[in-house]
Protein backbone atom coordinates (compact mmCIF):
# COMPACT_ATOMS: atom_id res chain seq x y z
CA UNK A 1 148.92 -31.67 79.31
CA UNK A 2 145.43 -32.13 80.83
CA UNK A 3 141.87 -30.61 79.35
CA UNK A 4 141.57 -26.92 79.00
CA UNK A 5 145.27 -26.36 79.57
CA UNK A 6 147.11 -23.71 78.15
CA UNK A 7 151.06 -23.20 77.69
CA UNK A 8 151.56 -19.31 77.18
CA UNK A 9 149.08 -16.55 77.34
CA UNK A 10 150.27 -13.09 75.53
CA UNK A 11 147.91 -10.24 76.12
CA UNK A 12 148.71 -7.02 74.91
CA UNK A 13 152.51 -7.38 74.44
CA UNK A 14 154.35 -4.91 72.91
CA UNK A 15 157.48 -6.59 71.99
CA UNK A 16 158.36 -9.80 69.31
CA UNK A 17 158.29 -12.92 70.94
CA UNK A 18 160.21 -15.92 70.20
CA UNK A 19 159.56 -19.07 71.72
CA UNK A 20 162.70 -20.86 71.37
CA UNK A 21 161.31 -24.25 72.18
CA UNK A 22 158.80 -26.47 69.92
CA UNK A 23 155.38 -26.11 71.13
CA UNK A 24 153.97 -29.77 71.95
CA UNK A 25 150.31 -30.60 72.85
CA UNK A 26 151.23 -34.77 72.89
CA UNK A 27 147.87 -35.56 75.56
CA UNK A 28 145.63 -37.50 72.91
CA UNK A 29 142.82 -37.64 75.57
CA UNK A 30 142.96 -34.10 76.42
CA UNK A 31 140.70 -31.61 74.64
CA UNK A 32 140.42 -27.71 74.55
CA UNK A 33 143.77 -27.37 74.96
CA UNK A 34 146.17 -24.25 73.54
CA UNK A 35 150.06 -24.03 73.08
CA UNK A 36 150.10 -20.13 72.95
CA UNK A 37 146.77 -17.84 73.26
CA UNK A 38 147.71 -14.27 71.70
CA UNK A 39 145.43 -11.35 72.04
CA UNK A 40 144.97 -7.69 72.47
CA UNK A 41 148.14 -5.95 71.42
CA UNK A 42 150.61 -8.20 69.40
CA UNK A 43 154.12 -7.83 68.00
CA UNK A 44 154.85 -10.83 66.80
CA UNK A 45 155.05 -14.36 67.62
CA UNK A 46 157.97 -16.88 66.18
CA UNK A 47 158.04 -20.65 67.25
CA UNK A 48 160.36 -23.22 66.13
CA UNK A 49 157.63 -26.09 65.59
CA UNK A 50 154.50 -27.22 66.34
CA UNK A 51 152.81 -30.84 67.46
CA UNK A 52 149.26 -31.25 68.30
CA UNK A 53 147.45 -34.14 69.31
CA UNK A 54 144.06 -35.11 70.22
CA UNK A 55 140.15 -33.18 69.48
CA UNK A 56 139.67 -29.63 69.50
CA UNK A 57 143.03 -28.48 70.40
CA UNK A 58 145.04 -25.80 69.10
CA UNK A 59 148.69 -24.89 68.65
CA UNK A 60 149.06 -21.11 68.24
CA UNK A 61 146.24 -19.48 68.48
CA UNK A 62 146.35 -15.63 67.53
CA UNK A 63 143.79 -12.76 67.89
CA UNK A 64 146.24 -9.78 67.16
CA UNK A 65 147.47 -8.27 64.03
CA UNK A 66 150.79 -9.76 64.97
CA UNK A 67 152.46 -12.43 62.52
CA UNK A 68 152.95 -16.18 63.33
CA UNK A 69 156.08 -17.54 62.52
CA UNK A 70 156.45 -20.83 62.68
CA UNK A 71 159.97 -22.06 61.33
CA UNK A 72 159.83 -25.78 62.21
CA UNK A 73 157.53 -28.71 61.17
CA UNK A 74 153.84 -28.30 61.81
CA UNK A 75 152.37 -31.59 62.50
CA UNK A 76 148.62 -32.19 63.61
CA UNK A 77 147.52 -35.68 64.18
CA UNK A 78 144.07 -37.09 63.46
CA UNK A 79 141.00 -36.07 65.51
CA UNK A 80 138.05 -38.19 65.36
CA UNK A 81 136.06 -36.62 63.44
CA UNK A 82 135.71 -33.18 61.46
CA UNK A 83 133.43 -31.91 64.62
CA UNK A 84 136.51 -32.41 66.38
CA UNK A 85 139.03 -31.16 64.57
CA UNK A 86 142.14 -30.43 65.85
CA UNK A 87 144.29 -27.08 64.58
CA UNK A 88 148.10 -26.11 64.17
CA UNK A 89 147.78 -22.23 63.68
CA UNK A 90 145.04 -19.97 64.28
CA UNK A 91 145.04 -16.64 63.45
CA UNK A 92 142.02 -13.76 63.42
CA UNK A 93 144.42 -10.51 61.36
CA UNK A 94 147.76 -11.41 61.74
CA UNK A 95 149.81 -13.06 59.01
CA UNK A 96 150.81 -16.93 59.07
CA UNK A 97 154.14 -17.82 57.85
CA UNK A 98 154.77 -21.56 58.61
CA UNK A 99 158.46 -22.06 56.52
CA UNK A 100 158.63 -26.07 57.26
CA UNK A 101 156.61 -28.91 56.15
CA UNK A 102 153.02 -29.63 57.21
CA UNK A 103 151.37 -32.79 58.09
CA UNK A 104 147.80 -32.82 58.93
CA UNK A 105 146.10 -36.17 59.73
CA UNK A 106 142.63 -37.31 59.45
CA UNK A 107 139.65 -34.89 60.00
CA UNK A 108 142.44 -32.04 61.21
CA UNK A 109 143.10 -28.65 60.13
CA UNK A 110 146.67 -27.53 59.32
CA UNK A 111 146.24 -23.78 59.42
CA UNK A 112 143.01 -21.50 59.53
CA UNK A 113 143.72 -17.98 58.83
CA UNK A 114 140.40 -15.33 58.95
CA UNK A 115 141.07 -11.67 57.45
CA UNK A 116 144.69 -12.10 56.50
CA UNK A 117 147.63 -13.95 54.53
CA UNK A 118 148.86 -17.60 54.64
CA UNK A 119 151.97 -19.06 53.34
CA UNK A 120 153.41 -22.59 54.43
CA UNK A 121 156.17 -24.87 52.53
CA UNK A 122 155.13 -28.53 51.37
CA UNK A 123 151.70 -30.06 52.98
CA UNK A 124 151.06 -33.57 53.40
CA UNK A 125 146.98 -33.94 54.20
CA UNK A 126 145.43 -37.39 55.21
CA UNK A 127 141.96 -38.16 54.59
CA UNK A 128 139.38 -36.14 55.31
CA UNK A 129 141.88 -33.46 56.65
CA UNK A 130 142.54 -29.50 55.21
CA UNK A 131 145.54 -28.25 54.63
CA UNK A 132 144.98 -24.29 54.90
CA UNK A 133 141.54 -22.96 55.41
CA UNK A 134 141.88 -19.26 54.65
CA UNK A 135 138.37 -16.76 54.95
CA UNK A 136 138.55 -13.23 53.62
CA UNK A 137 135.83 -10.79 53.12
CA UNK A 138 138.57 -9.22 50.07
CA UNK A 139 141.71 -9.80 48.10
CA UNK A 140 143.19 -7.36 49.64
CA UNK A 141 143.42 -8.89 52.66
CA UNK A 142 145.84 -11.54 51.97
CA UNK A 143 146.36 -14.64 49.97
CA UNK A 144 147.20 -18.29 50.58
CA UNK A 145 150.76 -19.76 49.02
CA UNK A 146 152.32 -23.40 49.50
CA UNK A 147 155.85 -23.02 48.59
CA UNK A 148 156.31 -26.78 47.70
CA UNK A 149 154.08 -30.04 46.92
CA UNK A 150 150.67 -30.74 47.65
CA UNK A 151 149.31 -34.03 49.01
CA UNK A 152 145.89 -34.34 49.31
CA UNK A 153 144.46 -37.81 51.07
CA UNK A 154 141.08 -39.31 49.94
CA UNK A 155 137.39 -39.02 51.14
CA UNK A 156 136.63 -35.43 51.31
CA UNK A 157 140.03 -34.03 52.23
CA UNK A 158 141.00 -30.52 50.75
CA UNK A 159 144.42 -29.05 50.08
CA UNK A 160 143.18 -25.35 50.14
CA UNK A 161 140.25 -24.06 51.16
CA UNK A 162 140.04 -20.20 50.52
CA UNK A 163 137.24 -17.47 50.29
CA UNK A 164 138.22 -13.95 48.04
CA UNK A 165 141.70 -14.79 48.26
CA UNK A 166 144.75 -15.27 45.67
CA UNK A 167 145.87 -18.68 45.77
CA UNK A 168 149.60 -20.21 44.42
CA UNK A 169 150.92 -23.47 44.96
CA UNK A 170 154.72 -23.81 43.38
CA UNK A 171 155.29 -27.30 43.55
CA UNK A 172 153.11 -30.60 42.16
CA UNK A 173 149.49 -31.54 43.32
CA UNK A 174 148.65 -34.95 44.25
CA UNK A 175 145.12 -35.80 44.80
CA UNK A 176 143.57 -39.20 46.21
CA UNK A 177 140.44 -40.91 45.05
CA UNK A 178 137.22 -40.31 47.16
CA UNK A 179 136.10 -36.53 46.18
CA UNK A 180 138.79 -35.07 47.50
CA UNK A 181 140.09 -31.43 46.09
CA UNK A 182 143.43 -29.69 45.62
CA UNK A 183 142.32 -26.12 45.85
CA UNK A 184 138.89 -25.47 46.59
CA UNK A 185 137.96 -21.72 46.11
CA UNK A 186 135.16 -19.29 46.35
CA UNK A 187 134.38 -16.12 45.56
CA UNK A 188 136.95 -13.29 43.78
CA UNK A 189 140.89 -14.10 43.72
CA UNK A 190 143.09 -15.50 41.31
CA UNK A 191 144.71 -19.43 41.33
CA UNK A 192 148.18 -20.21 39.89
CA UNK A 193 149.76 -23.78 39.58
CA UNK A 194 153.24 -24.10 38.49
CA UNK A 195 153.96 -27.64 39.23
CA UNK A 196 152.17 -31.31 38.10
CA UNK A 197 149.20 -31.60 38.71
CA UNK A 198 147.31 -35.52 39.26
CA UNK A 199 143.84 -36.27 40.41
CA UNK A 200 142.49 -39.48 41.85
CA UNK A 201 138.90 -40.93 41.15
CA UNK A 202 136.18 -38.89 41.40
CA UNK A 203 137.88 -36.05 43.00
CA UNK A 204 138.86 -32.94 41.50
CA UNK A 205 142.07 -30.81 40.89
CA UNK A 206 141.21 -26.96 41.27
CA UNK A 207 137.41 -26.34 41.88
CA UNK A 208 136.88 -22.48 41.69
CA UNK A 209 133.28 -21.00 42.03
CA UNK A 210 133.59 -17.27 41.23
CA UNK A 211 135.25 -14.05 39.87
CA UNK A 212 139.10 -14.47 39.03
CA UNK A 213 141.40 -16.46 36.45
CA UNK A 214 143.12 -19.91 36.73
CA UNK A 215 146.77 -20.11 35.52
CA UNK A 216 148.44 -23.67 35.51
CA UNK A 217 152.18 -23.84 34.34
CA UNK A 218 152.38 -20.35 32.42
CA UNK A 219 156.44 -19.92 31.54
CA UNK A 220 157.14 -23.61 32.13
CA UNK A 221 157.52 -26.22 30.21
CA UNK A 222 156.65 -30.43 29.96
CA UNK A 223 154.09 -30.46 32.95
CA UNK A 224 151.22 -32.47 33.16
CA UNK A 225 147.41 -32.27 34.38
CA UNK A 226 146.56 -36.68 34.91
CA UNK A 227 143.02 -37.01 35.74
CA UNK A 228 141.44 -40.60 36.82
CA UNK A 229 138.60 -41.85 36.64
CA UNK A 230 135.17 -39.73 36.93
CA UNK A 231 137.31 -36.90 38.10
CA UNK A 232 137.55 -33.38 37.07
CA UNK A 233 141.27 -31.49 36.87
CA UNK A 234 140.03 -28.47 36.36
CA UNK A 235 136.08 -26.91 37.63
CA UNK A 236 135.35 -23.55 36.87
CA UNK A 237 132.07 -21.69 37.26
CA UNK A 238 133.15 -18.04 36.26
CA UNK A 239 136.56 -17.69 36.79
CA UNK A 240 138.60 -17.80 33.47
CA UNK A 241 141.21 -20.69 32.97
CA UNK A 242 144.21 -20.56 30.60
CA UNK A 243 146.26 -24.01 30.61
CA UNK A 244 149.65 -24.30 29.66
CA UNK A 245 150.09 -27.89 30.86
CA UNK A 246 149.05 -31.33 28.80
CA UNK A 247 146.26 -32.97 29.76
CA UNK A 248 145.54 -36.83 30.03
CA UNK A 249 142.22 -37.42 30.83
CA UNK A 250 140.72 -40.99 32.26
CA UNK A 251 137.28 -42.80 31.55
CA UNK A 252 134.18 -40.67 32.29
CA UNK A 253 136.76 -37.61 33.42
CA UNK A 254 137.00 -34.06 31.99
CA UNK A 255 140.40 -32.14 31.71
CA UNK A 256 138.76 -28.70 32.28
CA UNK A 257 135.68 -27.35 32.80
CA UNK A 258 134.41 -23.92 32.27
CA UNK A 259 130.89 -22.34 32.95
CA UNK A 260 130.60 -18.56 32.28
CA UNK A 261 133.99 -17.89 30.82
CA UNK A 262 136.97 -18.49 28.69
CA UNK A 263 139.17 -21.60 28.03
CA UNK A 264 142.76 -21.49 26.22
CA UNK A 265 144.71 -24.47 26.45
CA UNK A 266 148.14 -24.64 25.04
CA UNK A 267 149.17 -28.21 26.12
CA UNK A 268 148.60 -31.43 24.26
CA UNK A 269 145.13 -33.18 25.12
CA UNK A 270 144.71 -36.91 25.42
CA UNK A 271 141.23 -38.33 26.26
CA UNK A 272 140.08 -42.25 27.14
CA UNK A 273 136.75 -43.84 26.50
CA UNK A 274 133.74 -41.54 27.40
CA UNK A 275 135.55 -38.44 28.72
CA UNK A 276 135.97 -34.76 27.44
CA UNK A 277 139.32 -33.02 27.32
CA UNK A 278 138.02 -29.09 27.27
CA UNK A 279 134.62 -27.74 27.71
CA UNK A 280 133.02 -24.81 27.98
CA UNK A 281 129.66 -22.98 28.44
CA UNK A 282 128.19 -20.15 28.25
CA UNK A 283 126.83 -17.76 24.98
CA UNK A 284 129.48 -15.71 23.94
CA UNK A 285 132.51 -17.76 25.30
CA UNK A 286 135.31 -19.05 23.64
CA UNK A 287 137.52 -22.47 23.56
CA UNK A 288 140.68 -22.17 22.06
CA UNK A 289 143.30 -25.16 21.67
CA UNK A 290 146.92 -24.71 20.26
CA UNK A 291 148.40 -28.21 21.48
CA UNK A 292 147.94 -31.76 19.48
CA UNK A 293 143.98 -33.58 20.53
CA UNK A 294 144.30 -37.89 20.91
CA UNK A 295 140.81 -38.81 21.12
CA UNK A 296 140.07 -42.61 22.61
CA UNK A 297 136.66 -44.75 21.65
CA UNK A 298 133.52 -45.19 23.20
CA UNK A 299 132.16 -41.70 23.19
CA UNK A 300 135.39 -39.63 24.17
CA UNK A 301 135.39 -35.98 22.83
CA UNK A 302 138.39 -33.78 22.60
CA UNK A 303 136.47 -30.10 22.63
CA UNK A 304 133.33 -29.38 23.61
CA UNK A 305 131.34 -26.26 23.25
CA UNK A 306 128.10 -25.62 24.51
CA UNK A 307 126.53 -21.97 23.78
């Protein structure tokens, strides 16, 4: 407990470390706390759960190439604002594998990786929080994966925020209202989702700015992309999109928007008033839709190609 307190410092450790008890930073008034700090040489660290409260506190901070493994639940409570975010696990260079569920509070960050790979169990993120942030300079450094559902709160929350990494979500994605995003990806890297995707008002299911391909529900049947009013199901600037979900679009919303690449969709499309089902921009780019299209009233559009 207390400001700037540290539970463990592991420096130049040559044998893997297994901490049997959970890491608990429960002093809500403290700042600058670390549960575990690993630096220098590292042979790997395993913990059995992480709980972080307060502001600017970090459960595990790793600056070695060793893997950080969390076998329990990862919980990061609310922070006052994004300038005071607490972090569950931070690693620069070493892989992060968190097999349990992750619960991330308001303005907080669950897992932050740099130049590495991140895997998590099911994640729930509160308003303005971030589940996983992964900053890579190349896709060869690692990928981001959620083995379970991804539930994202409102008011600017982000499920996965990645740069130059392949991204996979194996469960359903649910995004609340208010400029939130399920997946936010920049640079090079593919995105693959395997469950249903539900997008709230003014939010975005999948946002991609850069090279790669977005693939949804490939090889699966009956998956649905539902987009609330003024939202985007998929927004791509530069990446190819291959969609196998049925798409239901609300008022003034867009199911899939692709600028600068091709869009192929095999699912059925249903569009509400003033909405657009599938939209492609760019000279010589193709829009292919193989499912049934149902278009509502009041200037609704099923397919829109702007060349």
